[in-house]
Amino acid sequence: MYEISRQDEITAILKTVDDPELPSVSVYDLGMVHDVTVQANEVEIKMVPTFAGCPALDFIEIKVKRAVEELDWVHQCHVKFTMEHQWSTDAITEKGKEELKKHGIAPPPENYQPGDEWTVNCPYCNSDYTSMENVFGPTACRSILYCSACKNPFEAMKPVVQPLHLK
């Protein structure tokens, strides 16, 4: 019989903890989980915020801590946000991208390089006939675009990647 490792068990739990602003998009699928350390019955999770000023960090910390501490063997979970590592939209999983589309939010463009102009396909009709309406969206990590094909406004994740010379 296959026994799931503690590390895999924590990962499975993190895939169920949704971002407070994006129900059904987990913090794991957004690429926020940087490192998980398990020592005996204590767990430390290092997370990378999507943006330094994200107002949801306290909520995320509480939700992650509660979810992990529901495991029978976990006595304590410590959640730490680190700025040692920069979050990148490249860290969003394929599942995360699909879940974003279900919310009417286009995933960030593929192969984006800092300084490039960017556009994304519409999450509703997949048309590439879209235009930027406002670089400033409802949160620091999203912009507002418009689809000329289906006539719907939509949000898109802003591309955030490390320049090639920093990778």
N, C-alpha and C. Protein backbone atom coordinates (compact mmCIF):
# COMPACT_ATOMS: atom_id res chain seq x y z
N MET A 1 0.84 -1.19 0.00
CA MET A 1 0.00 0.00 0.00
C MET A 1 0.88 1.25 0.00
N TYR A 2 0.50 2.23 -0.80
CA TYR A 2 1.26 3.47 -0.90
C TYR A 2 0.90 4.40 0.25
N GLU A 3 1.92 4.94 0.89
CA GLU A 3 1.69 5.90 1.98
C GLU A 3 2.14 7.27 1.50
N ILE A 4 1.29 8.25 1.66
CA ILE A 4 1.60 9.60 1.23
C ILE A 4 2.59 10.23 2.21
N SER A 5 3.60 10.92 1.68
CA SER A 5 4.59 11.56 2.54
C SER A 5 3.97 12.79 3.20
N ARG A 6 4.58 13.20 4.28
CA ARG A 6 4.09 14.41 4.98
C ARG A 6 4.21 15.63 4.08
N GLN A 7 5.27 15.69 3.30
CA GLN A 7 5.47 16.81 2.38
C GLN A 7 4.34 16.84 1.34
N ASP A 8 4.00 15.67 0.80
CA ASP A 8 2.91 15.58 -0.18
C ASP A 8 1.57 15.93 0.45
N GLU A 9 1.41 15.55 1.70
CA GLU A 9 0.17 15.85 2.42
C GLU A 9 0.00 17.36 2.60
N ILE A 10 1.09 18.04 2.93
CA ILE A 10 1.06 19.51 3.07
C ILE A 10 0.75 20.15 1.72
N THR A 11 1.41 19.68 0.67
CA THR A 11 1.16 20.23 -0.68
C THR A 11 -0.32 20.06 -1.05
N ALA A 12 -0.88 18.89 -0.77
CA ALA A 12 -2.29 18.65 -1.08
C ALA A 12 -3.20 19.62 -0.33
N ILE A 13 -2.87 19.91 0.92
CA ILE A 13 -3.65 20.86 1.71
C ILE A 13 -3.53 22.27 1.13
N LEU A 14 -2.31 22.66 0.75
CA LEU A 14 -2.09 24.01 0.21
C LEU A 14 -2.85 24.22 -1.10
N LYS A 15 -3.08 23.15 -1.83
CA LYS A 15 -3.85 23.24 -3.07
C LYS A 15 -5.34 23.48 -2.81
N THR A 16 -5.76 23.39 -1.54
CA THR A 16 -7.17 23.64 -1.19
C THR A 16 -7.38 25.02 -0.56
N VAL A 17 -6.29 25.74 -0.29
CA VAL A 17 -6.39 27.05 0.35
C VAL A 17 -6.48 28.11 -0.74
N ASP A 18 -7.67 28.67 -0.90
CA ASP A 18 -7.89 29.64 -1.97
C ASP A 18 -7.40 31.03 -1.59
N ASP A 19 -6.96 31.75 -2.60
CA ASP A 19 -6.64 33.16 -2.43
C ASP A 19 -7.94 33.87 -2.06
N PRO A 20 -7.93 34.75 -1.05
CA PRO A 20 -9.17 35.41 -0.62
C PRO A 20 -9.86 36.23 -1.71
N GLU A 21 -9.09 36.72 -2.68
CA GLU A 21 -9.67 37.54 -3.74
C GLU A 21 -10.09 36.72 -4.95
N LEU A 22 -9.69 35.43 -4.98
CA LEU A 22 -9.95 34.58 -6.14
C LEU A 22 -10.41 33.20 -5.69
N PRO A 23 -11.65 33.07 -5.27
CA PRO A 23 -12.12 31.75 -4.85
C PRO A 23 -11.91 30.73 -5.95
N SER A 24 -11.44 29.57 -5.59
CA SER A 24 -11.12 28.42 -6.44
C SER A 24 -9.72 28.52 -7.06
N VAL A 25 -8.98 29.56 -6.76
CA VAL A 25 -7.59 29.65 -7.19
C VAL A 25 -6.74 29.56 -5.93
N SER A 26 -6.04 28.45 -5.78
CA SER A 26 -5.28 28.23 -4.54
C SER A 26 -4.00 29.05 -4.51
N VAL A 27 -3.52 29.28 -3.29
CA VAL A 27 -2.25 29.97 -3.12
C VAL A 27 -1.12 29.14 -3.74
N TYR A 28 -1.28 27.84 -3.74
CA TYR A 28 -0.29 26.96 -4.37
C TYR A 28 -0.30 27.18 -5.88
N ASP A 29 -1.48 27.19 -6.49
CA ASP A 29 -1.59 27.35 -7.94
C ASP A 29 -1.23 28.76 -8.41
N LEU A 30 -1.28 29.73 -7.50
CA LEU A 30 -0.82 31.08 -7.84
C LEU A 30 0.70 31.19 -7.76
N GLY A 31 1.34 30.15 -7.26
CA GLY A 31 2.80 30.15 -7.18
C GLY A 31 3.34 30.89 -5.97
N MET A 32 2.52 31.04 -4.95
CA MET A 32 2.94 31.78 -3.76
C MET A 32 3.74 30.93 -2.77
N VAL A 33 3.65 29.61 -2.86
CA VAL A 33 4.34 28.73 -1.91
C VAL A 33 5.78 28.55 -2.39
N HIS A 34 6.72 29.02 -1.60
CA HIS A 34 8.13 28.94 -1.99
C HIS A 34 8.82 27.71 -1.40
N ASP A 35 8.56 27.41 -0.13
CA ASP A 35 9.26 26.32 0.51
C ASP A 35 8.41 25.78 1.67
N VAL A 36 8.45 24.47 1.84
CA VAL A 36 7.75 23.81 2.95
C VAL A 36 8.79 22.96 3.69
N THR A 37 8.91 23.21 4.98
CA THR A 37 9.83 22.44 5.81
C THR A 37 9.03 21.72 6.89
N VAL A 38 9.26 20.42 7.00
CA VAL A 38 8.58 19.62 8.02
C VAL A 38 9.65 19.08 8.96
N GLN A 39 9.53 19.41 10.24
CA GLN A 39 10.42 18.87 11.26
C GLN A 39 9.56 18.33 12.39
N ALA A 40 9.59 17.02 12.52
CA ALA A 40 8.75 16.32 13.52
C ALA A 40 7.30 16.71 13.28
N ASN A 41 6.67 17.40 14.23
CA ASN A 41 5.27 17.77 14.11
C ASN A 41 5.07 19.26 13.86
N GLU A 42 6.11 19.93 13.42
CA GLU A 42 6.03 21.35 13.10
C GLU A 42 6.28 21.57 11.62
N VAL A 43 5.54 22.52 11.07
CA VAL A 43 5.64 22.83 9.65
C VAL A 43 5.94 24.32 9.51
N GLU A 44 6.91 24.62 8.65
CA GLU A 44 7.18 26.02 8.31
C GLU A 44 6.95 26.18 6.82
N ILE A 45 6.15 27.17 6.47
CA ILE A 45 5.85 27.43 5.07
C ILE A 45 6.31 28.85 4.74
N LYS A 46 7.22 28.93 3.76
CA LYS A 46 7.66 30.24 3.28
C LYS A 46 6.86 30.54 2.03
N MET A 47 6.28 31.73 2.02
CA MET A 47 5.45 32.14 0.90
C MET A 47 5.97 33.45 0.32
N VAL A 48 5.71 33.64 -0.95
CA VAL A 48 6.12 34.86 -1.64
C VAL A 48 4.85 35.62 -2.03
N PRO A 49 4.69 36.85 -1.52
CA PRO A 49 3.49 37.61 -1.91
C PRO A 49 3.53 38.01 -3.38
N THR A 50 2.35 38.10 -3.98
CA THR A 50 2.30 38.54 -5.38
C THR A 50 2.79 39.98 -5.50
N PHE A 51 2.46 40.81 -4.52
CA PHE A 51 2.96 42.18 -4.44
C PHE A 51 3.20 42.51 -2.98
N ALA A 52 4.20 43.30 -2.69
CA ALA A 52 4.59 43.60 -1.31
C ALA A 52 3.44 44.21 -0.51
N GLY A 53 2.65 45.03 -1.11
CA GLY A 53 1.58 45.71 -0.40
C GLY A 53 0.25 45.00 -0.43
N CYS A 54 0.25 43.72 -0.78
CA CYS A 54 -1.00 42.96 -0.90
C CYS A 54 -1.76 42.99 0.42
N PRO A 55 -3.00 43.49 0.43
CA PRO A 55 -3.77 43.59 1.67
C PRO A 55 -4.31 42.25 2.17
N ALA A 56 -4.18 41.19 1.38
CA ALA A 56 -4.74 39.90 1.75
C ALA A 56 -3.75 38.99 2.49
N LEU A 57 -2.52 39.44 2.71
CA LEU A 57 -1.50 38.58 3.31
C LEU A 57 -1.89 38.05 4.68
N ASP A 58 -2.48 38.88 5.52
CA ASP A 58 -2.90 38.41 6.85
C ASP A 58 -3.95 37.31 6.73
N PHE A 59 -4.90 37.49 5.81
CA PHE A 59 -5.94 36.47 5.61
C PHE A 59 -5.34 35.17 5.08
N ILE A 60 -4.40 35.30 4.15
CA ILE A 60 -3.75 34.12 3.60
C ILE A 60 -2.99 33.37 4.69
N GLU A 61 -2.25 34.09 5.49
CA GLU A 61 -1.50 33.47 6.58
C GLU A 61 -2.42 32.68 7.51
N ILE A 62 -3.52 33.29 7.90
CA ILE A 62 -4.48 32.63 8.81
C ILE A 62 -5.07 31.38 8.15
N LYS A 63 -5.48 31.50 6.89
CA LYS A 63 -6.10 30.36 6.19
C LYS A 63 -5.12 29.21 6.01
N VAL A 64 -3.88 29.50 5.66
CA VAL A 64 -2.87 28.46 5.47
C VAL A 64 -2.59 27.78 6.80
N LYS A 65 -2.38 28.57 7.83
CA LYS A 65 -2.07 28.03 9.17
C LYS A 65 -3.20 27.12 9.65
N ARG A 66 -4.43 27.58 9.54
CA ARG A 66 -5.58 26.77 9.98
C ARG A 66 -5.69 25.47 9.19
N ALA A 67 -5.54 25.55 7.90
CA ALA A 67 -5.68 24.36 7.05
C ALA A 67 -4.62 23.32 7.39
N VAL A 68 -3.39 23.75 7.54
CA VAL A 68 -2.30 22.81 7.83
C VAL A 68 -2.45 22.23 9.23
N GLU A 69 -2.84 23.06 10.18
CA GLU A 69 -2.98 22.58 11.56
C GLU A 69 -4.17 21.66 11.76
N GLU A 70 -5.03 21.52 10.76
CA GLU A 70 -6.12 20.53 10.83
C GLU A 70 -5.62 19.11 10.63
N LEU A 71 -4.42 18.96 10.10
CA LEU A 71 -3.83 17.62 9.97
C LEU A 71 -3.52 17.09 11.38
N ASP A 72 -3.89 15.84 11.63
CA ASP A 72 -3.74 15.25 12.96
C ASP A 72 -2.32 15.32 13.50
N TRP A 73 -1.34 15.14 12.66
CA TRP A 73 0.03 15.05 13.12
C TRP A 73 0.72 16.40 13.29
N VAL A 74 0.11 17.50 12.80
CA VAL A 74 0.73 18.82 12.89
C VAL A 74 0.35 19.49 14.21
N HIS A 75 1.37 19.80 15.00
CA HIS A 75 1.14 20.52 16.26
C HIS A 75 1.16 22.03 16.06
N GLN A 76 2.01 22.47 15.12
CA GLN A 76 2.10 23.91 14.89
C GLN A 76 2.58 24.18 13.47
N CYS A 77 2.01 25.21 12.87
CA CYS A 77 2.40 25.64 11.53
C CYS A 77 2.79 27.11 11.59
N HIS A 78 3.95 27.41 11.04
CA HIS A 78 4.43 28.79 10.96
C HIS A 78 4.42 29.20 9.49
N VAL A 79 3.78 30.32 9.21
CA VAL A 79 3.73 30.84 7.85
C VAL A 79 4.53 32.13 7.82
N LYS A 80 5.48 32.20 6.91
CA LYS A 80 6.32 33.39 6.79
C LYS A 80 6.31 33.87 5.35
N PHE A 81 6.09 35.16 5.19
CA PHE A 81 6.19 35.75 3.85
C PHE A 81 7.60 36.29 3.70
N THR A 82 8.22 35.94 2.60
CA THR A 82 9.60 36.35 2.37
C THR A 82 9.69 37.25 1.15
N MET A 83 10.56 38.22 1.26
CA MET A 83 10.84 39.08 0.11
C MET A 83 12.20 38.73 -0.49
N GLU A 84 12.81 37.65 0.03
CA GLU A 84 14.10 37.20 -0.50
C GLU A 84 13.96 36.71 -1.94
N HIS A 85 12.78 36.24 -2.27
CA HIS A 85 12.51 35.73 -3.60
C HIS A 85 11.37 36.54 -4.20
N GLN A 86 11.47 36.87 -5.46
CA GLN A 86 10.44 37.64 -6.13
C GLN A 86 9.42 36.69 -6.73
N TRP A 87 8.14 36.98 -6.48
CA TRP A 87 7.08 36.21 -7.11
C TRP A 87 7.08 36.52 -8.60
N SER A 88 6.72 35.55 -9.40
CA SER A 88 6.66 35.72 -10.84
C SER A 88 5.38 35.07 -11.36
N THR A 89 4.79 35.66 -12.36
CA THR A 89 3.61 35.05 -12.95
C THR A 89 3.97 33.74 -13.65
N ASP A 90 5.25 33.51 -13.90
CA ASP A 90 5.68 32.23 -14.45
C ASP A 90 5.41 31.09 -13.46
N ALA A 91 5.25 31.42 -12.18
CA ALA A 91 5.03 30.41 -11.14
C ALA A 91 3.57 29.93 -11.08
N ILE A 92 2.67 30.60 -11.78
CA ILE A 92 1.26 30.18 -11.79
C ILE A 92 1.16 28.86 -12.53
N THR A 93 0.54 27.87 -11.90
CA THR A 93 0.41 26.55 -12.51
C THR A 93 -0.63 26.58 -13.64
N GLU A 94 -0.63 25.53 -14.44
CA GLU A 94 -1.63 25.43 -15.51
C GLU A 94 -3.04 25.40 -14.91
N LYS A 95 -3.21 24.69 -13.80
CA LYS A 95 -4.52 24.67 -13.13
C LYS A 95 -4.89 26.08 -12.68
N GLY A 96 -3.92 26.82 -12.14
CA GLY A 96 -4.17 28.19 -11.72
C GLY A 96 -4.63 29.07 -12.87
N LYS A 97 -4.00 28.89 -14.04
CA LYS A 97 -4.38 29.68 -15.22
C LYS A 97 -5.80 29.36 -15.66
N GLU A 98 -6.16 28.09 -15.62
CA GLU A 98 -7.53 27.69 -16.00
C GLU A 98 -8.55 28.25 -15.01
N GLU A 99 -8.23 28.23 -13.72
CA GLU A 99 -9.15 28.76 -12.71
C GLU A 99 -9.30 30.28 -12.85
N LEU A 100 -8.22 30.97 -13.19
CA LEU A 100 -8.31 32.42 -13.41
C LEU A 100 -9.30 32.72 -14.53
N LYS A 101 -9.23 31.96 -15.62
CA LYS A 101 -10.14 32.16 -16.76
C LYS A 101 -11.60 32.00 -16.33
N LYS A 102 -11.86 31.05 -15.44
CA LYS A 102 -13.23 30.84 -14.96
C LYS A 102 -13.76 32.06 -14.21
N HIS A 103 -12.87 32.88 -13.70
CA HIS A 103 -13.24 34.13 -13.01
C HIS A 103 -13.26 35.31 -13.97
N GLY A 104 -13.02 35.05 -15.24
CA GLY A 104 -12.99 36.15 -16.21
C GLY A 104 -11.69 36.92 -16.14
N ILE A 105 -10.63 36.28 -15.65
CA ILE A 105 -9.33 36.92 -15.55
C ILE A 105 -8.36 36.18 -16.48
N ALA A 106 -7.81 36.91 -17.41
CA ALA A 106 -6.87 36.29 -18.34
C ALA A 106 -5.54 36.03 -17.63
N PRO A 107 -4.97 34.85 -17.84
CA PRO A 107 -3.64 34.60 -17.30
C PRO A 107 -2.63 35.52 -17.96
N PRO A 108 -1.48 35.70 -17.34
CA PRO A 108 -0.46 36.58 -17.94
C PRO A 108 0.04 36.01 -19.26
N PRO A 109 0.59 36.87 -20.10
CA PRO A 109 1.10 36.40 -21.39
C PRO A 109 2.30 35.47 -21.22
N GLU A 110 2.44 34.54 -22.13
CA GLU A 110 3.59 33.63 -22.13
C GLU A 110 4.82 34.35 -22.70
N ASN A 111 5.98 33.96 -22.27
CA ASN A 111 7.26 34.45 -22.79
C ASN A 111 7.41 35.97 -22.74
N TYR A 112 6.81 36.59 -21.76
CA TYR A 112 6.93 38.04 -21.60
C TYR A 112 8.32 38.39 -21.09
N GLN A 113 8.87 39.47 -21.61
CA GLN A 113 10.14 40.01 -21.11
C GLN A 113 9.90 41.43 -20.63
N PRO A 114 10.47 41.81 -19.49
CA PRO A 114 10.27 43.16 -18.96
C PRO A 114 10.53 44.23 -20.01
N GLY A 115 9.62 45.17 -20.08
CA GLY A 115 9.71 46.26 -21.05
C GLY A 115 8.92 46.02 -22.31
N ASP A 116 8.55 44.75 -22.57
CA ASP A 116 7.75 44.43 -23.75
C ASP A 116 6.32 44.94 -23.55
N GLU A 117 5.69 45.34 -24.66
CA GLU A 117 4.25 45.59 -24.60
C GLU A 117 3.59 44.22 -24.50
N TRP A 118 2.43 44.17 -23.85
CA TRP A 118 1.80 42.87 -23.71
C TRP A 118 0.30 42.96 -23.94
N THR A 119 -0.23 41.84 -24.35
CA THR A 119 -1.66 41.67 -24.50
C THR A 119 -1.96 40.19 -24.24
N VAL A 120 -3.20 39.91 -23.96
CA VAL A 120 -3.61 38.53 -23.69
C VAL A 120 -4.89 38.24 -24.44
N ASN A 121 -5.20 36.97 -24.59
CA ASN A 121 -6.46 36.57 -25.20
C ASN A 121 -7.59 36.72 -24.20
N CYS A 122 -8.77 36.97 -24.70
CA CYS A 122 -9.96 37.12 -23.88
C CYS A 122 -10.25 35.80 -23.15
N PRO A 123 -10.52 35.86 -21.83
CA PRO A 123 -10.84 34.63 -21.11
C PRO A 123 -12.22 34.07 -21.45
N TYR A 124 -13.06 34.88 -22.08
CA TYR A 124 -14.42 34.45 -22.42
C TYR A 124 -14.50 33.77 -23.79
N CYS A 125 -13.88 34.40 -24.82
CA CYS A 125 -14.01 33.87 -26.18
C CYS A 125 -12.67 33.48 -26.81
N ASN A 126 -11.59 33.72 -26.09
CA ASN A 126 -10.22 33.39 -26.51
C ASN A 126 -9.73 34.23 -27.70
N SER A 127 -10.42 35.29 -28.02
CA SER A 127 -9.98 36.17 -29.11
C SER A 127 -8.70 36.92 -28.70
N ASP A 128 -7.85 37.19 -29.69
CA ASP A 128 -6.68 38.01 -29.42
C ASP A 128 -6.93 39.47 -29.82
N TYR A 129 -8.18 39.78 -30.16
CA TYR A 129 -8.57 41.14 -30.55
C TYR A 129 -8.94 41.91 -29.28
N THR A 130 -7.93 42.15 -28.44
CA THR A 130 -8.15 42.79 -27.14
C THR A 130 -7.28 44.04 -27.02
N SER A 131 -7.69 44.92 -26.14
CA SER A 131 -6.92 46.14 -25.92
C SER A 131 -6.92 46.50 -24.44
N MET A 132 -5.85 47.16 -24.03
CA MET A 132 -5.69 47.60 -22.65
C MET A 132 -6.57 48.82 -22.42
N GLU A 133 -7.46 48.74 -21.44
CA GLU A 133 -8.30 49.87 -21.08
C GLU A 133 -7.67 50.67 -19.94
N ASN A 134 -7.11 49.93 -18.97
CA ASN A 134 -6.49 50.60 -17.84
C ASN A 134 -5.47 49.65 -17.23
N VAL A 135 -4.23 50.07 -17.15
CA VAL A 135 -3.19 49.24 -16.56
C VAL A 135 -3.46 49.02 -15.07
N PHE A 136 -4.23 49.92 -14.46
CA PHE A 136 -4.56 49.81 -13.05
C PHE A 136 -5.91 49.13 -12.89
N GLY A 137 -5.90 47.93 -12.33
CA GLY A 137 -7.12 47.17 -12.12
C GLY A 137 -7.55 47.24 -10.66
N PRO A 138 -8.43 46.34 -10.25
CA PRO A 138 -8.96 46.36 -8.89
C PRO A 138 -7.93 45.97 -7.83
N THR A 139 -6.86 45.31 -8.25
CA THR A 139 -5.76 44.98 -7.34
C THR A 139 -4.45 45.30 -8.04
N ALA A 140 -3.37 45.33 -7.28
CA ALA A 140 -2.06 45.70 -7.85
C ALA A 140 -1.59 44.72 -8.90
N CYS A 141 -2.09 43.49 -8.87
CA CYS A 141 -1.59 42.47 -9.81
C CYS A 141 -2.46 42.30 -11.05
N ARG A 142 -3.49 43.15 -11.22
CA ARG A 142 -4.37 42.97 -12.38
C ARG A 142 -4.60 44.29 -13.12
N SER A 143 -4.86 44.17 -14.42
CA SER A 143 -5.20 45.29 -15.30
C SER A 143 -6.58 45.03 -15.91
N ILE A 144 -7.16 46.07 -16.52
CA ILE A 144 -8.45 45.93 -17.16
C ILE A 144 -8.27 46.04 -18.68
N LEU A 145 -8.82 45.05 -19.39
CA LEU A 145 -8.74 45.02 -20.84
C LEU A 145 -10.14 44.93 -21.43
N TYR A 146 -10.24 45.04 -22.75
CA TYR A 146 -11.52 44.97 -23.44
C TYR A 146 -11.36 44.07 -24.65
N CYS A 147 -12.35 43.22 -24.86
CA CYS A 147 -12.35 42.33 -26.02
C CYS A 147 -13.26 42.92 -27.09
N SER A 148 -12.71 43.23 -28.24
CA SER A 148 -13.50 43.78 -29.34
C SER A 148 -14.31 42.70 -30.05
N ALA A 149 -13.98 41.44 -29.85
CA ALA A 149 -14.72 40.36 -30.50
C ALA A 149 -16.04 40.09 -29.77
N CYS A 150 -15.99 39.84 -28.47
CA CYS A 150 -17.23 39.52 -27.74
C CYS A 150 -17.77 40.72 -26.96
N LYS A 151 -17.06 41.85 -27.02
CA LYS A 151 -17.49 43.11 -26.42
C LYS A 151 -17.53 43.09 -24.89
N ASN A 152 -16.71 42.23 -24.29
CA ASN A 152 -16.67 42.16 -22.83
C ASN A 152 -15.40 42.79 -22.27
N PRO A 153 -15.55 43.56 -21.20
CA PRO A 153 -14.36 43.97 -20.46
C PRO A 153 -13.90 42.77 -19.62
N PHE A 154 -12.63 42.72 -19.31
CA PHE A 154 -12.13 41.64 -18.46
C PHE A 154 -10.85 42.09 -17.78
N GLU A 155 -10.47 41.33 -16.77
CA GLU A 155 -9.23 41.60 -16.06
C GLU A 155 -8.16 40.65 -16.57
N ALA A 156 -6.92 41.05 -16.40
CA ALA A 156 -5.78 40.19 -16.75
C ALA A 156 -4.72 40.33 -15.67
N MET A 157 -4.07 39.22 -15.37
CA MET A 157 -2.93 39.26 -14.46
C MET A 157 -1.81 40.02 -15.16
N LYS A 158 -1.22 40.99 -14.47
CA LYS A 158 -0.08 41.70 -15.03
C LYS A 158 1.12 40.75 -15.06
N PRO A 159 1.87 40.77 -16.15
CA PRO A 159 3.05 39.90 -16.19
C PRO A 159 4.13 40.43 -15.25
N VAL A 160 4.60 39.57 -14.39
CA VAL A 160 5.69 39.91 -13.48
C VAL A 160 6.72 38.80 -13.61
N VAL A 161 7.86 39.11 -14.22
CA VAL A 161 8.91 38.12 -14.38
C VAL A 161 10.24 38.76 -14.03
N GLN A 162 11.20 37.93 -13.72
CA GLN A 162 12.53 38.43 -13.46
C GLN A 162 13.23 38.65 -14.80
N PRO A 163 13.95 39.76 -14.92
CA PRO A 163 14.73 39.97 -16.15
C PRO A 163 15.70 38.81 -16.35
N LEU A 164 16.00 38.47 -17.59
CA LEU A 164 16.86 37.33 -17.90
C LEU A 164 18.20 37.39 -17.16
N HIS A 165 18.77 38.58 -16.99
CA HIS A 165 20.08 38.67 -16.35
C HIS A 165 20.03 38.38 -14.85
N LEU A 166 18.84 38.33 -14.24
CA LEU A 166 18.71 38.05 -12.82
C LEU A 166 18.37 36.59 -12.55
N LYS A 167 18.02 35.84 -13.57
CA LYS A 167 17.61 34.45 -13.36
C LYS A 167 18.78 33.55 -13.07
